[in-house]
Amino acid sequence: MKELLIKAKMAMDRGKYWLSYINFVMLLFISVTSMKQYEYFSFLQGRYWLIILGLGTFVFITILGYVDLKILKTFQIETEIYARINPVQQKMFDNQDKILDMISGIEKNMSKK
């Protein structure tokens, strides 16, 4: 039962990501169509402004993502924190430390001979 709940949560989380894209497109459409009602935004009367603003926003989001990944490196830090609190990865890290200690002990014994 627990595994079924976890799989359902994972499926909902993946669906949440896709729904956020759909929500973004709807929000962009509503924003552009409501902006057309004001004289200040009269240049938005063409049909292609929705596409241009959408592509511009995607480019901006991509640049923000690049800055986050390459400059700020918050994703790497977040992944490290998740790895430290994950019990399965903790066991793997402990086993890796044991293996490295055993290898260093073997190397010391080999160098003494």
Protein backbone atom coordinates (compact mmCIF):
# COMPACT_ATOMS: atom_id res chain seq x y z
CA MET A 1 0.00 0.00 0.00
CA LYS A 2 2.83 2.38 0.90
CA GLU A 3 4.56 1.78 -2.43
CA LEU A 4 1.30 2.43 -4.29
CA LEU A 5 0.90 5.77 -2.50
CA ILE A 6 4.48 6.73 -3.32
CA LYS A 7 3.99 5.84 -7.00
CA ALA A 8 0.77 7.86 -7.07
CA LYS A 9 2.57 10.83 -5.53
CA MET A 10 5.35 10.56 -8.11
CA ALA A 11 2.79 10.45 -10.93
CA MET A 12 1.00 13.51 -9.52
CA ASP A 13 4.31 15.38 -9.19
CA ARG A 14 5.13 14.69 -12.84
CA GLY A 15 1.64 15.78 -13.84
CA LYS A 16 2.12 18.96 -11.81
CA TYR A 17 5.10 19.91 -13.96
CA TRP A 18 3.13 19.47 -17.17
CA LEU A 19 0.15 21.31 -15.74
CA SER A 20 2.41 24.25 -14.89
CA TYR A 21 3.33 24.54 -18.59
CA ILE A 22 -0.33 24.51 -19.59
CA ASN A 23 -1.08 27.05 -16.86
CA PHE A 24 1.72 29.27 -18.15
CA VAL A 25 0.35 29.25 -21.71
CA MET A 26 -3.16 30.03 -20.47
CA LEU A 27 -1.87 32.88 -18.30
CA LEU A 28 0.10 34.31 -21.22
CA PHE A 29 -2.97 34.13 -23.47
CA ILE A 30 -5.21 35.80 -20.88
CA SER A 31 -2.61 38.51 -20.22
CA VAL A 32 -2.15 39.39 -23.88
CA THR A 33 -5.88 39.38 -24.66
CA SER A 34 -6.67 41.57 -21.65
CA MET A 35 -3.79 43.95 -22.47
CA LYS A 36 -5.23 44.51 -25.95
CA GLN A 37 -8.18 46.37 -24.43
CA TYR A 38 -5.99 49.30 -23.35
CA GLU A 39 -4.77 51.95 -25.79
CA TYR A 40 -1.27 51.84 -24.37
CA PHE A 41 -0.93 48.26 -25.61
CA SER A 42 -2.42 48.90 -29.03
CA PHE A 43 0.68 47.38 -30.69
CA LEU A 44 -0.52 43.95 -29.48
CA GLN A 45 -3.41 43.93 -31.97
CA GLY A 46 -1.64 41.52 -34.33
CA ARG A 47 -1.97 37.77 -34.00
CA TYR A 48 1.71 37.04 -33.66
CA TRP A 49 2.32 38.91 -30.41
CA LEU A 50 1.15 35.95 -28.37
CA ILE A 51 3.77 33.77 -30.05
CA ILE A 52 6.50 36.41 -29.76
CA LEU A 53 5.80 37.03 -26.06
CA GLY A 54 5.60 33.29 -25.43
CA LEU A 55 8.95 32.63 -27.09
CA GLY A 56 10.50 35.62 -25.34
CA THR A 57 9.30 34.33 -21.99
CA PHE A 58 10.65 30.84 -22.71
CA VAL A 59 14.04 32.36 -23.61
CA PHE A 60 13.99 34.38 -20.39
CA ILE A 61 13.08 31.29 -18.35
CA THR A 62 15.89 29.34 -20.03
CA ILE A 63 18.40 32.07 -19.20
CA LEU A 64 17.20 32.07 -15.57
CA GLY A 65 17.58 28.29 -15.46
CA TYR A 66 21.09 28.52 -16.89
CA VAL A 67 22.08 31.13 -14.30
CA ASP A 68 20.62 28.91 -11.57
CA LEU A 69 22.48 25.81 -12.79
CA LYS A 70 25.84 27.29 -13.79
CA ILE A 71 26.36 30.41 -11.71
CA LEU A 72 24.29 30.13 -8.52
CA LYS A 73 24.50 26.29 -8.43
CA THR A 74 21.45 26.01 -6.18
CA PHE A 75 20.34 22.81 -7.93
CA GLN A 76 23.60 21.06 -7.03
CA ILE A 77 23.37 22.16 -3.41
CA GLU A 78 19.74 21.07 -3.24
CA THR A 79 20.67 17.65 -4.66
CA GLU A 80 23.46 17.28 -2.10
CA ILE A 81 21.05 18.06 0.73
CA TYR A 82 18.54 15.50 -0.58
CA ALA A 83 21.34 12.93 -0.85
CA ARG A 84 22.39 13.55 2.76
CA ILE A 85 18.89 12.97 4.12
CA ASN A 86 18.15 9.94 1.91
CA PRO A 87 18.78 6.77 3.98
CA VAL A 88 19.54 4.61 0.93
CA GLN A 89 22.20 7.01 -0.27
CA GLN A 90 23.58 7.26 3.26
CA LYS A 91 24.14 3.48 3.21
CA MET A 92 25.85 3.79 -0.16
CA PHE A 93 28.12 6.56 1.15
CA ASP A 94 28.97 4.51 4.24
CA ASN A 95 29.77 1.46 2.10
CA GLN A 96 31.91 3.60 -0.19
CA ASP A 97 33.86 4.93 2.81
CA LYS A 98 34.41 1.36 4.06
CA ILE A 99 35.64 0.25 0.63
CA LEU A 100 38.02 3.22 0.38
CA ASP A 101 39.37 2.46 3.88
CA MET A 102 39.91 -1.18 2.90
CA ILE A 103 41.72 -0.15 -0.29
CA SER A 104 43.97 2.26 1.58
CA GLY A 105 44.74 -0.49 4.12
CA ILE A 106 45.63 -2.90 1.33
CA GLU A 107 47.84 -0.26 -0.32
CA LYS A 108 49.66 0.32 2.99
CA ASN A 109 50.25 -3.43 3.38
CA MET A 110 51.54 -3.68 -0.20
CA SER A 111 53.93 -0.76 0.26
CA LYS A 112 55.40 -2.31 3.45
CA LYS A 113 56.38 -5.49 1.58
